[in-house]
Protein backbone atom coordinates (compact mmCIF):
# COMPACT_ATOMS: atom_id res chain seq x y z
CA MET A 1 -56.68 -23.50 -36.86
CA ASN A 2 -56.39 -19.70 -37.09
CA LYS A 3 -53.07 -17.88 -37.11
CA HIS A 4 -53.57 -16.60 -33.54
CA THR A 5 -53.85 -20.06 -32.04
CA CYS A 6 -50.84 -22.15 -31.15
CA GLN A 7 -50.91 -25.88 -30.86
CA LEU A 8 -49.84 -27.28 -27.44
CA GLY A 9 -46.15 -28.10 -27.63
CA ASN A 10 -45.19 -25.95 -30.67
CA THR A 11 -44.75 -22.34 -31.38
CA ASP A 12 -45.14 -20.61 -34.70
CA ASN A 13 -41.43 -20.57 -35.33
CA GLY A 14 -41.05 -24.37 -34.78
CA VAL A 15 -39.56 -24.33 -31.29
CA SER A 16 -41.51 -26.64 -28.91
CA VAL A 17 -42.76 -25.42 -25.60
CA TRP A 18 -40.70 -28.30 -24.02
CA HIS A 19 -37.56 -26.97 -25.66
CA ALA A 20 -38.21 -23.45 -24.54
CA THR A 21 -38.97 -24.55 -20.96
CA PHE A 22 -35.82 -26.70 -20.94
CA LEU A 23 -33.60 -23.86 -22.22
CA CYS A 24 -35.13 -21.48 -19.60
CA GLY A 25 -34.35 -24.10 -16.91
CA VAL A 26 -30.76 -24.45 -18.06
CA LEU A 27 -30.20 -20.68 -18.11
CA ALA A 28 -31.67 -20.31 -14.68
CA THR A 29 -29.44 -22.99 -13.28
CA LEU A 30 -26.40 -21.40 -14.86
CA PHE A 31 -27.35 -17.98 -13.48
CA VAL A 32 -27.84 -19.38 -9.93
CA TRP A 33 -24.66 -21.46 -10.12
CA GLY A 34 -22.73 -18.35 -11.34
CA CYS A 35 -24.02 -16.41 -8.39
CA VAL A 36 -23.18 -19.04 -5.84
CA GLY A 37 -20.06 -20.26 -7.44
CA ASN A 38 -18.66 -16.76 -7.87
CA PRO A 39 -19.25 -15.04 -4.52
CA ARG A 40 -18.38 -11.37 -4.05
CA ILE A 41 -15.34 -10.93 -1.80
CA SER A 42 -16.10 -8.55 1.09
CA ASP A 43 -13.85 -5.67 1.73
CA ALA A 44 -13.32 -7.13 5.22
CA TYR A 45 -11.12 -9.79 3.63
CA VAL A 46 -8.87 -7.38 1.82
CA GLN A 47 -5.71 -6.74 3.70
CA SER A 48 -3.12 -4.04 2.97
CA ILE A 49 0.44 -3.08 3.75
CA SER A 50 2.07 0.28 4.01
CA ALA A 51 5.28 1.33 2.10
CA SER A 52 7.16 1.49 5.35
CA GLU A 53 6.03 -2.10 6.29
CA MET A 54 6.97 -3.40 2.93
CA ALA A 55 10.39 -1.66 2.48
CA PRO A 56 12.46 -3.87 4.77
CA HIS A 57 11.26 -6.98 2.85
CA LEU A 58 12.29 -5.38 -0.49
CA ASP A 59 15.67 -4.27 0.82
CA ARG A 60 16.49 -7.92 1.39
CA PHE A 61 14.44 -8.88 -1.68
CA GLU A 62 13.21 -12.04 -0.19
CA LYS A 63 12.13 -14.68 -2.68
CA ARG A 64 9.17 -15.35 -0.49
CA LEU A 65 7.60 -11.96 -1.41
CA ILE A 66 6.53 -10.96 -4.94
CA LEU A 67 5.52 -7.47 -5.87
CA VAL A 68 2.91 -7.23 -8.67
CA ASP A 69 2.04 -4.10 -10.55
CA VAL A 70 -1.50 -4.62 -11.78
CA ARG A 71 -1.56 -1.50 -14.16
CA THR A 72 -1.28 -1.65 -17.90
CA PRO A 73 1.98 -2.59 -19.50
CA THR A 74 2.38 1.01 -20.72
CA GLN A 75 1.97 2.39 -17.19
CA PHE A 76 4.36 -0.21 -15.92
CA THR A 77 7.00 0.68 -18.54
CA THR A 78 6.65 4.37 -17.60
CA ASN A 79 7.29 3.89 -13.97
CA HIS A 80 7.14 1.04 -11.46
CA ILE A 81 8.63 -0.15 -8.19
CA PRO A 82 12.00 -1.82 -8.78
CA GLY A 83 11.88 -5.60 -8.60
CA SER A 84 8.07 -5.75 -9.43
CA ILE A 85 6.52 -7.74 -12.20
CA ASN A 86 3.68 -6.49 -14.39
CA ILE A 87 0.47 -8.65 -14.49
CA PRO A 88 -2.40 -6.41 -15.59
CA ILE A 89 -5.50 -7.00 -13.34
CA GLN A 90 -7.42 -8.67 -16.22
CA ASP A 91 -4.59 -11.26 -16.61
CA LEU A 92 -4.53 -12.31 -12.96
CA LYS A 93 -5.55 -16.03 -12.71
CA GLU A 94 -5.30 -19.20 -10.74
CA GLY A 95 -2.18 -21.34 -11.44
CA ASP A 96 0.02 -18.46 -12.71
CA GLY A 97 3.54 -19.92 -12.27
CA ARG A 98 4.87 -16.46 -11.36
CA LEU A 99 2.78 -16.44 -8.21
CA MET A 100 3.23 -20.01 -7.08
CA GLY A 101 5.36 -20.81 -4.07
CA VAL A 102 5.57 -17.32 -2.57
CA GLU A 103 4.61 -16.46 0.96
CA LYS A 104 3.17 -13.07 0.23
CA ILE A 105 1.85 -11.38 -2.95
CA VAL A 106 1.78 -7.55 -2.73
CA VAL A 107 -0.14 -5.94 -5.50
CA TYR A 108 -0.27 -2.29 -6.30
CA GLY A 109 -1.97 0.14 -8.76
CA SER A 110 -1.45 3.89 -9.26
CA GLY A 111 -2.61 6.20 -6.64
CA SER A 112 -3.67 6.94 -3.13
CA ASP A 113 -7.29 5.47 -3.49
CA ASP A 114 -5.81 2.41 -5.29
CA VAL A 115 -9.14 0.90 -6.40
CA ARG A 116 -7.27 -1.32 -8.78
CA GLY A 117 -5.05 -2.69 -6.12
CA ARG A 118 -7.96 -3.71 -3.90
CA ALA A 119 -9.72 -5.12 -6.84
CA ALA A 120 -6.78 -7.22 -7.75
CA VAL A 121 -6.62 -8.64 -4.17
CA LYS A 122 -10.31 -9.54 -4.34
CA LYS A 123 -9.65 -11.26 -7.68
CA LEU A 124 -6.69 -13.18 -6.33
CA LEU A 125 -8.54 -14.21 -3.23
CA HIS A 126 -11.35 -15.57 -5.46
CA GLU A 127 -8.73 -17.49 -7.56
CA GLY A 128 -7.43 -19.17 -4.29
CA TYR A 129 -4.40 -16.93 -3.37
CA THR A 130 -4.97 -16.32 0.30
CA ASN A 131 -1.54 -14.69 0.81
CA THR A 132 -2.29 -11.50 -1.00
CA VAL A 133 -2.25 -7.88 0.15
CA TYR A 134 -2.34 -4.47 -1.60
CA LEU A 135 0.09 -1.62 -1.11
CA ARG A 136 -1.90 1.18 0.47
CA GLY A 137 -1.57 4.20 -1.67
CA GLY A 138 -0.06 2.32 -4.64
CA LEU A 139 2.76 3.58 -6.63
CA ALA A 140 2.22 7.15 -5.49
CA GLU A 141 2.69 6.24 -1.85
CA TRP A 142 5.77 4.20 -2.60
CA ARG A 143 7.39 7.17 -4.47
CA HIS A 144 6.47 9.46 -1.53
CA TYR A 145 8.01 6.96 0.92
CA GLN A 146 11.22 6.69 -1.15
CA LYS A 147 11.47 10.47 -1.40
CA ILE A 148 11.33 11.05 2.30
CA ASN A 149 13.61 8.10 3.23
CA GLN A 150 16.53 8.89 0.91
């Protein structure tokens, strides 16, 4: 047999055609499962709340509402909404005890476009938290609201 010919069922590096086919099938299955099992959350499912809508709840600081700052710990330390907790967006996950048993989870990021806040709501929705909204305008909007209402 010359070096350009391959025996049926084997490759030159010792991997059988069957093994290669099996591996491709497993990878294809995992890819399809990952696409179906991890659906993208549409923006239509992302709800928001304004600073003025949220303020009365914070004044009474109801235990049924939790405010989550999804920025980095450094950003949180520098400035945050009083009473909020810091869970960076990459650390949001199903079964987090801090988020259990609350009626409403309000997340926020930094600024007016608050891409991070919306992304956090999508991640929490995917993890099964259906009671989640983001603060429109994030921390910047909250500071503005506080400034004009003092």
